[in-house]
Amino acid sequence: MDRIEKSIDIGTIVRTQRKNLGLTQVEAAGLCGVGVRFWSELENGKETLHLGKVLSVLLRLGIDLKAKVRL
């Protein structure tokens, strides 16, 4: 996936990486220091999640998030 246009795009990336790591949602949430409800909402693309927590999860899962200015 090249572009992230919606929160569900991040959720899809997180779900894919979690499964690649062989983790359940419960295990992944514990590893990343967030609740299972937060994890589920993240994977389902909830738009109002705390950005700091989302970035922390991405970091702990080894997912780089980059931004660039469109020309």
PDB file of N, CA and C in Angstrom:
ATOM      1  N   MET A   1       0.856  -1.178   0.000  1.00  0.00           N
ATOM      2  CA  MET A   1       0.000   0.000   0.000  1.00  0.00           C
ATOM      3  C   MET A   1       0.899   1.238   0.000  1.00  0.00           C
ATOM      4  N   ASP A   2       0.706   2.085  -0.964  1.00  0.00           N
ATOM      5  CA  ASP A   2       1.545   3.270  -1.090  1.00  0.00           C
ATOM      6  C   ASP A   2       0.964   4.491  -0.383  1.00  0.00           C
ATOM      7  N   ARG A   3      -0.322   4.691  -0.505  1.00  0.00           N
ATOM      8  CA  ARG A   3      -0.940   5.888   0.066  1.00  0.00           C
ATOM      9  C   ARG A   3      -1.897   5.531   1.181  1.00  0.00           C
ATOM     10  N   ILE A   4      -1.847   6.347   2.194  1.00  0.00           N
ATOM     11  CA  ILE A   4      -2.810   6.228   3.288  1.00  0.00           C
ATOM     12  C   ILE A   4      -3.769   7.400   3.144  1.00  0.00           C
ATOM     13  N   GLU A   5      -5.016   7.077   2.840  1.00  0.00           N
ATOM     14  CA  GLU A   5      -6.015   8.120   2.625  1.00  0.00           C
ATOM     15  C   GLU A   5      -7.090   8.126   3.713  1.00  0.00           C
ATOM     16  N   LYS A   6      -7.237   6.987   4.384  1.00  0.00           N
ATOM     17  CA  LYS A   6      -8.266   6.860   5.414  1.00  0.00           C
ATOM     18  C   LYS A   6      -7.694   6.097   6.603  1.00  0.00           C
ATOM     19  N   SER A   7      -8.356   6.232   7.719  1.00  0.00           N
ATOM     20  CA  SER A   7      -7.878   5.535   8.920  1.00  0.00           C
ATOM     21  C   SER A   7      -7.930   4.020   8.756  1.00  0.00           C
ATOM     22  N   ILE A   8      -8.848   3.516   7.936  1.00  0.00           N
ATOM     23  CA  ILE A   8      -8.920   2.074   7.716  1.00  0.00           C
ATOM     24  C   ILE A   8      -7.660   1.561   7.015  1.00  0.00           C
ATOM     25  N   ASP A   9      -6.997   2.431   6.258  1.00  0.00           N
ATOM     26  CA  ASP A   9      -5.747   2.031   5.600  1.00  0.00           C
ATOM     27  C   ASP A   9      -4.674   1.699   6.640  1.00  0.00           C
ATOM     28  N   ILE A  10      -4.601   2.494   7.696  1.00  0.00           N
ATOM     29  CA  ILE A  10      -3.660   2.209   8.777  1.00  0.00           C
ATOM     30  C   ILE A  10      -4.080   0.933   9.487  1.00  0.00           C
ATOM     31  N   GLY A  11      -5.380   0.783   9.720  1.00  0.00           N
ATOM     32  CA  GLY A  11      -5.885  -0.424  10.367  1.00  0.00           C
ATOM     33  C   GLY A  11      -5.522  -1.686   9.601  1.00  0.00           C
ATOM     34  N   THR A  12      -5.606  -1.624   8.296  1.00  0.00           N
ATOM     35  CA  THR A  12      -5.265  -2.778   7.459  1.00  0.00           C
ATOM     36  C   THR A  12      -3.788  -3.115   7.574  1.00  0.00           C
ATOM     37  N   ILE A  13      -2.953  -2.105   7.587  1.00  0.00           N
ATOM     38  CA  ILE A  13      -1.508  -2.321   7.728  1.00  0.00           C
ATOM     39  C   ILE A  13      -1.201  -2.947   9.089  1.00  0.00           C
ATOM     40  N   VAL A  14      -1.824  -2.430  10.134  1.00  0.00           N
ATOM     41  CA  VAL A  14      -1.608  -2.950  11.486  1.00  0.00           C
ATOM     42  C   VAL A  14      -2.063  -4.410  11.574  1.00  0.00           C
ATOM     43  N   ARG A  15      -3.247  -4.701  11.048  1.00  0.00           N
ATOM     44  CA  ARG A  15      -3.762  -6.079  11.085  1.00  0.00           C
ATOM     45  C   ARG A  15      -2.823  -7.029  10.341  1.00  0.00           C
ATOM     46  N   THR A  16      -2.373  -6.616   9.163  1.00  0.00           N
ATOM     47  CA  THR A  16      -1.473  -7.456   8.367  1.00  0.00           C
ATOM     48  C   THR A  16      -0.177  -7.729   9.112  1.00  0.00           C
ATOM     49  N   GLN A  17       0.398  -6.707   9.718  1.00  0.00           N
ATOM     50  CA  GLN A  17       1.654  -6.883  10.454  1.00  0.00           C
ATOM     51  C   GLN A  17       1.459  -7.761  11.684  1.00  0.00           C
ATOM     52  N   ARG A  18       0.341  -7.567  12.382  1.00  0.00           N
ATOM     53  CA  ARG A  18       0.051  -8.405  13.549  1.00  0.00           C
ATOM     54  C   ARG A  18      -0.017  -9.869  13.146  1.00  0.00           C
ATOM     55  N   LYS A  19      -0.714 -10.138  12.074  1.00  0.00           N
ATOM     56  CA  LYS A  19      -0.830 -11.520  11.609  1.00  0.00           C
ATOM     57  C   LYS A  19       0.515 -12.061  11.126  1.00  0.00           C
ATOM     58  N   ASN A  20       1.305 -11.220  10.455  1.00  0.00           N
ATOM     59  CA  ASN A  20       2.649 -11.637  10.028  1.00  0.00           C
ATOM     60  C   ASN A  20       3.518 -12.020  11.219  1.00  0.00           C
ATOM     61  N   LEU A  21       3.295 -11.348  12.351  1.00  0.00           N
ATOM     62  CA  LEU A  21       4.049 -11.637  13.567  1.00  0.00           C
ATOM     63  C   LEU A  21       3.459 -12.808  14.349  1.00  0.00           C
ATOM     64  N   GLY A  22       2.326 -13.321  13.897  1.00  0.00           N
ATOM     65  CA  GLY A  22       1.692 -14.465  14.549  1.00  0.00           C
ATOM     66  C   GLY A  22       1.071 -14.130  15.890  1.00  0.00           C
ATOM     67  N   LEU A  23       0.564 -12.910  16.031  1.00  0.00           N
ATOM     68  CA  LEU A  23      -0.011 -12.461  17.304  1.00  0.00           C
ATOM     69  C   LEU A  23      -1.524 -12.364  17.215  1.00  0.00           C
ATOM     70  N   THR A  24      -2.182 -12.653  18.327  1.00  0.00           N
ATOM     71  CA  THR A  24      -3.605 -12.370  18.445  1.00  0.00           C
ATOM     72  C   THR A  24      -3.756 -10.888  18.786  1.00  0.00           C
ATOM     73  N   GLN A  25      -4.976 -10.382  18.709  1.00  0.00           N
ATOM     74  CA  GLN A  25      -5.208  -8.996  19.113  1.00  0.00           C
ATOM     75  C   GLN A  25      -4.856  -8.793  20.581  1.00  0.00           C
ATOM     76  N   VAL A  26      -5.173  -9.748  21.417  1.00  0.00           N
ATOM     77  CA  VAL A  26      -4.883  -9.647  22.844  1.00  0.00           C
ATOM     78  C   VAL A  26      -3.372  -9.572  23.070  1.00  0.00           C
ATOM     79  N   GLU A  27      -2.627 -10.438  22.406  1.00  0.00           N
ATOM     80  CA  GLU A  27      -1.167 -10.450  22.564  1.00  0.00           C
ATOM     81  C   GLU A  27      -0.549  -9.160  22.043  1.00  0.00           C
ATOM     82  N   ALA A  28      -1.006  -8.704  20.889  1.00  0.00           N
ATOM     83  CA  ALA A  28      -0.458  -7.489  20.295  1.00  0.00           C
ATOM     84  C   ALA A  28      -0.757  -6.271  21.153  1.00  0.00           C
ATOM     85  N   ALA A  29      -1.989  -6.192  21.659  1.00  0.00           N
ATOM     86  CA  ALA A  29      -2.351  -5.070  22.524  1.00  0.00           C
ATOM     87  C   ALA A  29      -1.473  -5.046  23.767  1.00  0.00           C
ATOM     88  N   GLY A  30      -1.255  -6.207  24.381  1.00  0.00           N
ATOM     89  CA  GLY A  30      -0.396  -6.284  25.562  1.00  0.00           C
ATOM     90  C   GLY A  30       1.031  -5.878  25.250  1.00  0.00           C
ATOM     91  N   LEU A  31       1.545  -6.331  24.127  1.00  0.00           N
ATOM     92  CA  LEU A  31       2.903  -5.994  23.706  1.00  0.00           C
ATOM     93  C   LEU A  31       3.073  -4.491  23.498  1.00  0.00           C
ATOM     94  N   CYS A  32       2.029  -3.864  22.992  1.00  0.00           N
ATOM     95  CA  CYS A  32       2.100  -2.439  22.654  1.00  0.00           C
ATOM     96  C   CYS A  32       1.578  -1.524  23.761  1.00  0.00           C
ATOM     97  N   GLY A  33       1.118  -2.104  24.860  1.00  0.00           N
ATOM     98  CA  GLY A  33       0.685  -1.294  25.995  1.00  0.00           C
ATOM     99  C   GLY A  33      -0.631  -0.566  25.789  1.00  0.00           C
ATOM    100  N   VAL A  34      -1.512  -1.156  24.991  1.00  0.00           N
ATOM    101  CA  VAL A  34      -2.835  -0.557  24.792  1.00  0.00           C
ATOM    102  C   VAL A  34      -3.886  -1.614  25.111  1.00  0.00           C
ATOM    103  N   GLY A  35      -5.116  -1.180  25.243  1.00  0.00           N
ATOM    104  CA  GLY A  35      -6.199  -2.110  25.535  1.00  0.00           C
ATOM    105  C   GLY A  35      -6.672  -2.846  24.289  1.00  0.00           C
ATOM    106  N   VAL A  36      -7.335  -3.947  24.504  1.00  0.00           N
ATOM    107  CA  VAL A  36      -7.852  -4.755  23.392  1.00  0.00           C
ATOM    108  C   VAL A  36      -8.921  -3.974  22.619  1.00  0.00           C
ATOM    109  N   ARG A  37      -9.731  -3.207  23.322  1.00  0.00           N
ATOM    110  CA  ARG A  37     -10.751  -2.396  22.633  1.00  0.00           C
ATOM    111  C   ARG A  37     -10.082  -1.382  21.699  1.00  0.00           C
ATOM    112  N   PHE A  38      -9.040  -0.709  22.196  1.00  0.00           N
ATOM    113  CA  PHE A  38      -8.309   0.232  21.356  1.00  0.00           C
ATOM    114  C   PHE A  38      -7.762  -0.486  20.125  1.00  0.00           C
ATOM    115  N   TRP A  39      -7.186  -1.667  20.347  1.00  0.00           N
ATOM    116  CA  TRP A  39      -6.593  -2.420  19.246  1.00  0.00           C
ATOM    117  C   TRP A  39      -7.642  -2.752  18.189  1.00  0.00           C
ATOM    118  N   SER A  40      -8.770  -3.238  18.638  1.00  0.00           N
ATOM    119  CA  SER A  40      -9.848  -3.589  17.719  1.00  0.00           C
ATOM    120  C   SER A  40     -10.310  -2.367  16.932  1.00  0.00           C
ATOM    121  N   GLU A  41     -10.478  -1.261  17.623  1.00  0.00           N
ATOM    122  CA  GLU A  41     -10.905  -0.027  16.962  1.00  0.00           C
ATOM    123  C   GLU A  41      -9.861   0.454  15.961  1.00  0.00           C
ATOM    124  N   LEU A  42      -8.589   0.294  16.285  1.00  0.00           N
ATOM    125  CA  LEU A  42      -7.516   0.674  15.373  1.00  0.00           C
ATOM    126  C   LEU A  42      -7.586  -0.158  14.095  1.00  0.00           C
ATOM    127  N   GLU A  43      -7.678  -1.464  14.242  1.00  0.00           N
ATOM    128  CA  GLU A  43      -7.737  -2.341  13.073  1.00  0.00           C
ATOM    129  C   GLU A  43      -8.997  -2.105  12.239  1.00  0.00           C
ATOM    130  N   ASN A  44     -10.049  -1.624  12.877  1.00  0.00           N
ATOM    131  CA  ASN A  44     -11.302  -1.368  12.166  1.00  0.00           C
ATOM    132  C   ASN A  44     -11.413   0.061  11.638  1.00  0.00           C
ATOM    133  N   GLY A  45     -10.349   0.844  11.801  1.00  0.00           N
ATOM    134  CA  GLY A  45     -10.294   2.170  11.192  1.00  0.00           C
ATOM    135  C   GLY A  45     -11.043   3.265  11.900  1.00  0.00           C
ATOM    136  N   LYS A  46     -11.242   3.147  13.208  1.00  0.00           N
ATOM    137  CA  LYS A  46     -11.923   4.223  13.936  1.00  0.00           C
ATOM    138  C   LYS A  46     -11.127   5.518  13.763  1.00  0.00           C
ATOM    139  N   GLU A  47     -11.821   6.575  13.396  1.00  0.00           N
ATOM    140  CA  GLU A  47     -11.154   7.826  13.036  1.00  0.00           C
ATOM    141  C   GLU A  47     -10.770   8.710  14.219  1.00  0.00           C
ATOM    142  N   THR A  48     -11.285   8.439  15.399  1.00  0.00           N
ATOM    143  CA  THR A  48     -11.072   9.349  16.529  1.00  0.00           C
ATOM    144  C   THR A  48     -10.092   8.808  17.567  1.00  0.00           C
ATOM    145  N   LEU A  49      -9.248   7.872  17.186  1.00  0.00           N
ATOM    146  CA  LEU A  49      -8.278   7.332  18.137  1.00  0.00           C
ATOM    147  C   LEU A  49      -7.182   8.342  18.426  1.00  0.00           C
ATOM    148  N   HIS A  50      -6.581   8.225  19.593  1.00  0.00           N
ATOM    149  CA  HIS A  50      -5.509   9.113  20.033  1.00  0.00           C
ATOM    150  C   HIS A  50      -4.277   8.895  19.149  1.00  0.00           C
ATOM    151  N   LEU A  51      -3.854   9.943  18.456  1.00  0.00           N
ATOM    152  CA  LEU A  51      -2.750   9.833  17.512  1.00  0.00           C
ATOM    153  C   LEU A  51      -1.474   9.334  18.174  1.00  0.00           C
ATOM    154  N   GLY A  52      -1.192   9.792  19.378  1.00  0.00           N
ATOM    155  CA  GLY A  52       0.021   9.357  20.076  1.00  0.00           C
ATOM    156  C   GLY A  52       0.047   7.857  20.295  1.00  0.00           C
ATOM    157  N   LYS A  53      -1.091   7.288  20.647  1.00  0.00           N
ATOM    158  CA  LYS A  53      -1.170   5.841  20.849  1.00  0.00           C
ATOM    159  C   LYS A  53      -0.998   5.097  19.530  1.00  0.00           C
ATOM    160  N   VAL A  54      -1.613   5.617  18.470  1.00  0.00           N
ATOM    161  CA  VAL A  54      -1.484   4.980  17.160  1.00  0.00           C
ATOM    162  C   VAL A  54      -0.018   4.972  16.735  1.00  0.00           C
ATOM    163  N   LEU A  55       0.655   6.087  16.883  1.00  0.00           N
ATOM    164  CA  LEU A  55       2.070   6.163  16.509  1.00  0.00           C
ATOM    165  C   LEU A  55       2.917   5.221  17.353  1.00  0.00           C
ATOM    166  N   SER A  56       2.602   5.090  18.623  1.00  0.00           N
ATOM    167  CA  SER A  56       3.321   4.174  19.502  1.00  0.00           C
ATOM    168  C   SER A  56       3.158   2.729  19.038  1.00  0.00           C
ATOM    169  N   VAL A  57       1.943   2.357  18.670  1.00  0.00           N
ATOM    170  CA  VAL A  57       1.689   1.003  18.174  1.00  0.00           C
ATOM    171  C   VAL A  57       2.488   0.757  16.901  1.00  0.00           C
ATOM    172  N   LEU A  58       2.454   1.708  15.976  1.00  0.00           N
ATOM    173  CA  LEU A  58       3.199   1.545  14.727  1.00  0.00           C
ATOM    174  C   LEU A  58       4.686   1.347  15.003  1.00  0.00           C
ATOM    175  N   LEU A  59       5.227   2.118  15.896  1.00  0.00           N
ATOM    176  CA  LEU A  59       6.643   2.014  16.245  1.00  0.00           C
ATOM    177  C   LEU A  59       6.967   0.640  16.815  1.00  0.00           C
ATOM    178  N   ARG A  60       6.139   0.182  17.736  1.00  0.00           N
ATOM    179  CA  ARG A  60       6.399  -1.110  18.381  1.00  0.00           C
ATOM    180  C   ARG A  60       6.215  -2.297  17.437  1.00  0.00           C
ATOM    181  N   LEU A  61       5.395  -2.111  16.409  1.00  0.00           N
ATOM    182  CA  LEU A  61       5.205  -3.187  15.438  1.00  0.00           C
ATOM    183  C   LEU A  61       6.246  -3.154  14.314  1.00  0.00           C
ATOM    184  N   GLY A  62       7.091  -2.118  14.319  1.00  0.00           N
ATOM    185  CA  GLY A  62       8.099  -2.012  13.267  1.00  0.00           C
ATOM    186  C   GLY A  62       7.551  -1.440  11.972  1.00  0.00           C
ATOM    187  N   ILE A  63       6.517  -0.610  12.084  1.00  0.00           N
ATOM    188  CA  ILE A  63       5.910   0.015  10.910  1.00  0.00           C
ATOM    189  C   ILE A  63       6.362   1.467  10.848  1.00  0.00           C
ATOM    190  N   ASP A  64       6.977   1.845   9.747  1.00  0.00           N
ATOM    191  CA  ASP A  64       7.382   3.234   9.527  1.00  0.00           C
ATOM    192  C   ASP A  64       6.264   3.998   8.870  1.00  0.00           C
ATOM    193  N   LEU A  65       5.980   5.175   9.375  1.00  0.00           N
ATOM    194  CA  LEU A  65       4.976   6.048   8.782  1.00  0.00           C
ATOM    195  C   LEU A  65       5.711   7.286   8.279  1.00  0.00           C
ATOM    196  N   LYS A  66       5.596   7.535   6.992  1.00  0.00           N
ATOM    197  CA  LYS A  66       6.287   8.676   6.407  1.00  0.00           C
ATOM    198  C   LYS A  66       5.268   9.583   5.728  1.00  0.00           C
ATOM    199  N   ALA A  67       5.589  10.846   5.670  1.00  0.00           N
ATOM    200  CA  ALA A  67       4.728  11.813   4.987  1.00  0.00           C
ATOM    201  C   ALA A  67       5.565  12.603   4.008  1.00  0.00           C
ATOM    202  N   LYS A  68       4.961  12.942   2.889  1.00  0.00           N
ATOM    203  CA  LYS A  68       5.659  13.801   1.938  1.00  0.00           C
ATOM    204  C   LYS A  68       4.663  14.758   1.329  1.00  0.00           C
ATOM    205  N   VAL A  69       5.143  15.884   0.945  1.00  0.00           N
ATOM    206  CA  VAL A  69       4.303  16.924   0.360  1.00  0.00           C
ATOM    207  C   VAL A  69       4.050  16.574  -1.106  1.00  0.00           C
ATOM    208  N   ARG A  70       2.770  16.597  -1.496  1.00  0.00           N
ATOM    209  CA  ARG A  70       2.416  16.383  -2.893  1.00  0.00           C
ATOM    210  C   ARG A  70       2.731  17.642  -3.683  1.00  0.00           C
ATOM    211  N   LEU A  71       3.250  17.465  -4.845  1.00  0.00           N
ATOM    212  CA  LEU A  71       3.583  18.613  -5.703  1.00  0.00           C
ATOM    213  C   LEU A  71       2.541  18.837  -6.761  1.00  0.00           C
TER     214      LEU A  71
END
